[in-house]
Amino acid sequence: MSNTDMNMRGKITFYEEKNFQGRSYECMSDCSDMTSYLSRCHSCRVESGCFMVYDRANYMGNQFFMRRGEYSDYMSMMGMSSGIKSCRMIPMHRGQFRMKIYERENFGGQSHELMEDCDNIMDRYRMSDCQSCNVMDGHWLMYDQPSFRGRMMYMRPGEYRSFRDMGMSGMKFMSMRRIMDSCY
């Protein structure tokens, strides 16, 4: 595989111990349950691409965005107590970004279409909450605090009628950011 192909696909290597020690598992696509490859995971190296990592199997639980770089002890950096259990590669997207956010579940209440990052939906749109969305183009990160901080959720193209049904009960999403090709 050429370097260009690898860069377009993404590559992440997980290690059982801190500082890239112990057994390792190399991943170039989605992995719904890493426990069959590693007993635990304390560090990783993202060689190319962008990934979301999850602290539970099947892409559930707390999510963390990882771009190219070395994470020698990411558990303490990100506050993950149980380690990474699954990961999802974020595909490269070229083109426009479009997402429609809704104040209530099932696309109810006030709505606004986004094509750019929004650092605070309360300031920009006078929305106190975002409980559903429709991602038409691109890949997005949604944050539970303004200014792209706090817990996050990865959104790929599709309809999301209820964040509560996705295990995000009680979270209010207050800012949204496009995942740009700068990862690659």
C-alpha atoms as a PDB file:
ATOM      1  CA  MET A   1       0.000   0.000   0.000  1.00  0.00           C
ATOM      2  CA  SER A   2       1.394   3.406  -0.930  1.00  0.00           C
ATOM      3  CA  ASN A   3       1.782   6.239   1.573  1.00  0.00           C
ATOM      4  CA  THR A   4      -1.011   8.123  -0.197  1.00  0.00           C
ATOM      5  CA  ASP A   5      -3.406   5.200   0.266  1.00  0.00           C
ATOM      6  CA  MET A   6      -2.441   4.863   3.930  1.00  0.00           C
ATOM      7  CA  ASN A   7      -2.917   8.589   4.543  1.00  0.00           C
ATOM      8  CA  MET A   8      -6.384   8.498   3.021  1.00  0.00           C
ATOM      9  CA  ARG A   9      -7.353   5.481   5.100  1.00  0.00           C
ATOM     10  CA  GLY A  10      -5.926   6.319   8.477  1.00  0.00           C
ATOM     11  CA  LYS A  11      -3.816   4.220  10.796  1.00  0.00           C
ATOM     12  CA  ILE A  12      -3.770   4.010  14.589  1.00  0.00           C
ATOM     13  CA  THR A  13      -1.759   1.675  16.814  1.00  0.00           C
ATOM     14  CA  PHE A  14      -2.915   0.879  20.346  1.00  0.00           C
ATOM     15  CA  TYR A  15      -0.574  -0.325  23.112  1.00  0.00           C
ATOM     16  CA  GLU A  16      -1.414  -2.129  26.335  1.00  0.00           C
ATOM     17  CA  GLU A  17       0.983  -0.051  28.433  1.00  0.00           C
ATOM     18  CA  LYS A  18       1.892   3.618  28.763  1.00  0.00           C
ATOM     19  CA  ASN A  19       4.676   5.016  26.553  1.00  0.00           C
ATOM     20  CA  PHE A  20       3.920   2.632  23.647  1.00  0.00           C
ATOM     21  CA  GLN A  21       4.998  -0.465  25.552  1.00  0.00           C
ATOM     22  CA  GLY A  22       3.554  -3.968  25.702  1.00  0.00           C
ATOM     23  CA  ARG A  23       1.436  -5.739  23.136  1.00  0.00           C
ATOM     24  CA  SER A  24       0.064  -3.639  20.306  1.00  0.00           C
ATOM     25  CA  TYR A  25      -2.838  -3.688  17.896  1.00  0.00           C
ATOM     26  CA  GLU A  26      -2.743  -1.823  14.580  1.00  0.00           C
ATOM     27  CA  CYS A  27      -6.034  -0.607  13.172  1.00  0.00           C
ATOM     28  CA  MET A  28      -6.893   0.948   9.802  1.00  0.00           C
ATOM     29  CA  SER A  29     -10.702   0.820  10.034  1.00  0.00           C
ATOM     30  CA  ASP A  30     -13.524   0.631  12.565  1.00  0.00           C
ATOM     31  CA  CYS A  31     -13.169  -1.803  15.478  1.00  0.00           C
ATOM     32  CA  SER A  32     -16.302  -2.389  17.554  1.00  0.00           C
ATOM     33  CA  ASP A  33     -14.588  -4.378  20.334  1.00  0.00           C
ATOM     34  CA  MET A  34     -10.846  -4.190  20.964  1.00  0.00           C
ATOM     35  CA  THR A  35     -10.897  -6.506  23.978  1.00  0.00           C
ATOM     36  CA  SER A  36     -10.325  -9.514  21.736  1.00  0.00           C
ATOM     37  CA  TYR A  37      -6.984  -7.968  20.633  1.00  0.00           C
ATOM     38  CA  LEU A  38      -5.715  -6.292  23.817  1.00  0.00           C
ATOM     39  CA  SER A  39      -6.532  -6.836  27.473  1.00  0.00           C
ATOM     40  CA  ARG A  40      -6.243  -3.086  28.114  1.00  0.00           C
ATOM     41  CA  CYS A  41      -5.063   0.003  26.264  1.00  0.00           C
ATOM     42  CA  HIS A  42      -3.032   2.814  27.843  1.00  0.00           C
ATOM     43  CA  SER A  43      -1.323   4.559  24.915  1.00  0.00           C
ATOM     44  CA  CYS A  44      -1.685   4.963  21.178  1.00  0.00           C
ATOM     45  CA  ARG A  45      -0.065   6.489  18.129  1.00  0.00           C
ATOM     46  CA  VAL A  46      -2.139   7.960  15.289  1.00  0.00           C
ATOM     47  CA  GLU A  47       0.060   7.724  12.210  1.00  0.00           C
ATOM     48  CA  SER A  48      -2.484   9.135   9.781  1.00  0.00           C
ATOM     49  CA  GLY A  49      -6.114  10.114   9.648  1.00  0.00           C
ATOM     50  CA  CYS A  50      -8.551  10.891  12.426  1.00  0.00           C
ATOM     51  CA  PHE A  51     -10.311   8.510  14.794  1.00  0.00           C
ATOM     52  CA  MET A  52     -12.963   8.597  17.468  1.00  0.00           C
ATOM     53  CA  VAL A  53     -12.188   6.325  20.390  1.00  0.00           C
ATOM     54  CA  TYR A  54     -14.796   5.112  22.867  1.00  0.00           C
ATOM     55  CA  ASP A  55     -14.527   3.842  26.434  1.00  0.00           C
ATOM     56  CA  ARG A  56     -17.147   1.133  25.774  1.00  0.00           C
ATOM     57  CA  ALA A  57     -17.537  -1.496  23.066  1.00  0.00           C
ATOM     58  CA  ASN A  58     -19.769  -0.920  20.042  1.00  0.00           C
ATOM     59  CA  TYR A  59     -18.946   2.799  19.818  1.00  0.00           C
ATOM     60  CA  MET A  60     -20.710   3.645  23.066  1.00  0.00           C
ATOM     61  CA  GLY A  61     -19.795   5.695  26.112  1.00  0.00           C
ATOM     62  CA  ASN A  62     -17.470   8.664  26.298  1.00  0.00           C
ATOM     63  CA  GLN A  63     -15.929   9.652  22.989  1.00  0.00           C
ATOM     64  CA  PHE A  64     -12.607  11.283  22.237  1.00  0.00           C
ATOM     65  CA  PHE A  65     -11.332  12.728  18.973  1.00  0.00           C
ATOM     66  CA  MET A  66      -7.802  11.735  18.047  1.00  0.00           C
ATOM     67  CA  ARG A  67      -5.772  13.185  15.213  1.00  0.00           C
ATOM     68  CA  ARG A  68      -2.240  12.469  14.048  1.00  0.00           C
ATOM     69  CA  GLY A  69       0.111  12.349  17.011  1.00  0.00           C
ATOM     70  CA  GLU A  70       1.405  10.339  19.939  1.00  0.00           C
ATOM     71  CA  TYR A  71      -0.598   9.773  23.095  1.00  0.00           C
ATOM     72  CA  SER A  72       1.812   8.183  25.574  1.00  0.00           C
ATOM     73  CA  ASP A  73      -0.664   8.137  28.471  1.00  0.00           C
ATOM     74  CA  TYR A  74      -3.945   9.297  27.027  1.00  0.00           C
ATOM     75  CA  MET A  75      -5.986   7.761  29.867  1.00  0.00           C
ATOM     76  CA  SER A  76      -4.777  10.382  32.330  1.00  0.00           C
ATOM     77  CA  MET A  77      -4.848  13.145  29.676  1.00  0.00           C
ATOM     78  CA  MET A  78      -8.491  12.480  28.789  1.00  0.00           C
ATOM     79  CA  GLY A  79      -9.789  11.200  32.082  1.00  0.00           C
ATOM     80  CA  MET A  80     -10.625   7.757  30.747  1.00  0.00           C
ATOM     81  CA  SER A  81     -10.734   5.359  33.653  1.00  0.00           C
ATOM     82  CA  SER A  82     -11.631   2.191  31.794  1.00  0.00           C
ATOM     83  CA  GLY A  83      -9.518   2.612  28.658  1.00  0.00           C
ATOM     84  CA  ILE A  84     -10.420   2.399  24.994  1.00  0.00           C
ATOM     85  CA  LYS A  85     -12.786  -0.396  24.024  1.00  0.00           C
ATOM     86  CA  SER A  86     -13.694   0.559  20.430  1.00  0.00           C
ATOM     87  CA  CYS A  87     -12.641   2.990  17.700  1.00  0.00           C
ATOM     88  CA  ARG A  88     -14.079   4.413  14.532  1.00  0.00           C
ATOM     89  CA  MET A  89     -12.057   5.831  11.646  1.00  0.00           C
ATOM     90  CA  ILE A  90     -13.370   9.158  10.380  1.00  0.00           C
ATOM     91  CA  PRO A  91     -13.282   9.111   6.582  1.00  0.00           C
ATOM     92  CA  MET A  92     -11.819  12.002   4.655  1.00  0.00           C
ATOM     93  CA  HIS A  93     -14.469  14.415   3.398  1.00  0.00           C
ATOM     94  CA  ARG A  94     -13.998  16.881   0.578  1.00  0.00           C
ATOM     95  CA  GLY A  95     -16.810  19.220  -0.218  1.00  0.00           C
ATOM     96  CA  GLN A  96     -19.352  21.221   1.671  1.00  0.00           C
ATOM     97  CA  PHE A  97     -20.534  20.729   5.241  1.00  0.00           C
ATOM     98  CA  ARG A  98     -24.219  20.963   6.121  1.00  0.00           C
ATOM     99  CA  MET A  99     -26.068  20.070   9.283  1.00  0.00           C
ATOM    100  CA  LYS A 100     -29.493  21.119  10.549  1.00  0.00           C
ATOM    101  CA  ILE A 101     -29.849  21.268  14.317  1.00  0.00           C
ATOM    102  CA  TYR A 102     -33.146  21.145  16.217  1.00  0.00           C
ATOM    103  CA  GLU A 103     -34.021  22.346  19.677  1.00  0.00           C
ATOM    104  CA  ARG A 104     -36.099  19.251  20.509  1.00  0.00           C
ATOM    105  CA  GLU A 105     -36.191  15.539  19.763  1.00  0.00           C
ATOM    106  CA  ASN A 106     -37.712  14.279  16.490  1.00  0.00           C
ATOM    107  CA  PHE A 107     -36.709  17.458  14.655  1.00  0.00           C
ATOM    108  CA  GLY A 108     -39.004  19.642  16.753  1.00  0.00           C
ATOM    109  CA  GLY A 109     -38.776  23.232  17.916  1.00  0.00           C
ATOM    110  CA  GLN A 110     -36.489  25.894  16.602  1.00  0.00           C
ATOM    111  CA  SER A 111     -34.066  24.792  13.862  1.00  0.00           C
ATOM    112  CA  HIS A 112     -31.018  26.210  12.110  1.00  0.00           C
ATOM    113  CA  GLU A 113     -28.818  25.019   9.279  1.00  0.00           C
ATOM    114  CA  LEU A 114     -25.067  25.106   9.826  1.00  0.00           C
ATOM    115  CA  MET A 115     -22.375  25.152   7.165  1.00  0.00           C
ATOM    116  CA  GLU A 116     -19.627  26.506   9.428  1.00  0.00           C
ATOM    117  CA  ASP A 117     -18.470  25.852  12.974  1.00  0.00           C
ATOM    118  CA  CYS A 118     -20.690  27.269  15.726  1.00  0.00           C
ATOM    119  CA  ASP A 119     -18.946  28.015  19.021  1.00  0.00           C
ATOM    120  CA  ASN A 120     -22.148  28.790  20.957  1.00  0.00           C
ATOM    121  CA  ILE A 121     -25.716  28.025  19.822  1.00  0.00           C
ATOM    122  CA  MET A 122     -27.161  30.164  22.639  1.00  0.00           C
ATOM    123  CA  ASP A 123     -25.303  33.299  21.520  1.00  0.00           C
ATOM    124  CA  ARG A 124     -25.747  32.729  17.790  1.00  0.00           C
ATOM    125  CA  TYR A 125     -29.273  31.312  17.569  1.00  0.00           C
ATOM    126  CA  ARG A 126     -30.811  31.872  21.016  1.00  0.00           C
ATOM    127  CA  MET A 127     -31.214  28.090  21.364  1.00  0.00           C
ATOM    128  CA  SER A 128     -30.824  26.693  24.864  1.00  0.00           C
ATOM    129  CA  ASP A 129     -30.448  23.095  23.718  1.00  0.00           C
ATOM    130  CA  CYS A 130     -29.975  20.845  20.701  1.00  0.00           C
ATOM    131  CA  GLN A 131     -31.655  17.435  20.988  1.00  0.00           C
ATOM    132  CA  SER A 132     -31.751  16.197  17.377  1.00  0.00           C
ATOM    133  CA  CYS A 133     -30.057  16.894  14.059  1.00  0.00           C
ATOM    134  CA  ASN A 134     -29.759  15.913  10.434  1.00  0.00           C
ATOM    135  CA  VAL A 135     -26.223  15.775   9.045  1.00  0.00           C
ATOM    136  CA  MET A 136     -26.504  16.210   5.296  1.00  0.00           C
ATOM    137  CA  ASP A 137     -22.831  16.654   4.362  1.00  0.00           C
ATOM    138  CA  GLY A 138     -19.533  16.143   6.131  1.00  0.00           C
ATOM    139  CA  HIS A 139     -18.541  14.874   9.552  1.00  0.00           C
ATOM    140  CA  TRP A 140     -19.060  16.930  12.714  1.00  0.00           C
ATOM    141  CA  LEU A 141     -18.181  16.969  16.399  1.00  0.00           C
ATOM    142  CA  MET A 142     -20.787  18.229  18.844  1.00  0.00           C
ATOM    143  CA  TYR A 143     -19.718  19.450  22.296  1.00  0.00           C
ATOM    144  CA  ASP A 144     -21.728  19.820  25.492  1.00  0.00           C
ATOM    145  CA  GLN A 145     -20.097  23.175  26.306  1.00  0.00           C
ATOM    146  CA  PRO A 146     -19.574  26.364  24.306  1.00  0.00           C
ATOM    147  CA  SER A 147     -16.241  26.985  22.566  1.00  0.00           C
ATOM    148  CA  PHE A 148     -15.772  23.326  21.576  1.00  0.00           C
ATOM    149  CA  ARG A 149     -15.139  22.044  25.097  1.00  0.00           C
ATOM    150  CA  GLY A 150     -16.427  19.243  27.260  1.00  0.00           C
ATOM    151  CA  ARG A 151     -17.854  15.880  26.295  1.00  0.00           C
ATOM    152  CA  MET A 152     -18.230  15.305  22.580  1.00  0.00           C
ATOM    153  CA  MET A 153     -20.157  13.211  20.116  1.00  0.00           C
ATOM    154  CA  TYR A 154     -19.158  12.286  16.562  1.00  0.00           C
ATOM    155  CA  MET A 155     -21.857  12.829  13.932  1.00  0.00           C
ATOM    156  CA  ARG A 156     -21.568  11.375  10.450  1.00  0.00           C
ATOM    157  CA  PRO A 157     -24.158  11.873   7.676  1.00  0.00           C
ATOM    158  CA  GLY A 158     -27.601  10.717   8.775  1.00  0.00           C
ATOM    159  CA  GLU A 159     -30.656  11.584  10.819  1.00  0.00           C
ATOM    160  CA  TYR A 160     -30.386  11.671  14.596  1.00  0.00           C
ATOM    161  CA  ARG A 161     -33.911  11.924  16.046  1.00  0.00           C
ATOM    162  CA  SER A 162     -32.978  11.667  19.725  1.00  0.00           C
ATOM    163  CA  PHE A 163     -29.593  12.020  21.388  1.00  0.00           C
ATOM    164  CA  ARG A 164     -31.121  10.496  24.521  1.00  0.00           C
ATOM    165  CA  ASP A 165     -31.795   7.263  22.608  1.00  0.00           C
ATOM    166  CA  MET A 166     -28.106   7.232  21.653  1.00  0.00           C
ATOM    167  CA  GLY A 167     -27.046   7.082  25.299  1.00  0.00           C
ATOM    168  CA  MET A 168     -26.523  10.831  25.629  1.00  0.00           C
ATOM    169  CA  SER A 169     -29.336  11.440  28.100  1.00  0.00           C
ATOM    170  CA  GLY A 170     -28.966  14.676  30.010  1.00  0.00           C
ATOM    171  CA  MET A 171     -26.351  16.149  27.680  1.00  0.00           C
ATOM    172  CA  LYS A 172     -26.961  19.520  26.089  1.00  0.00           C
ATOM    173  CA  PHE A 173     -24.987  20.191  22.947  1.00  0.00           C
ATOM    174  CA  MET A 174     -23.852  23.792  22.850  1.00  0.00           C
ATOM    175  CA  SER A 175     -21.205  23.961  20.078  1.00  0.00           C
ATOM    176  CA  MET A 176     -20.497  22.173  16.795  1.00  0.00           C
ATOM    177  CA  ARG A 177     -17.295  21.857  14.737  1.00  0.00           C
ATOM    178  CA  ARG A 178     -16.627  20.437  11.278  1.00  0.00           C
ATOM    179  CA  ILE A 179     -14.005  17.714  11.015  1.00  0.00           C
ATOM    180  CA  MET A 180     -11.782  19.108   8.300  1.00  0.00           C
ATOM    181  CA  ASP A 181      -9.282  17.334   6.065  1.00  0.00           C
ATOM    182  CA  SER A 182      -6.439  18.765   8.153  1.00  0.00           C
ATOM    183  CA  CYS A 183      -6.377  15.366   9.872  1.00  0.00           C
ATOM    184  CA  TYR A 184      -4.927  13.738   6.807  1.00  0.00           C
END
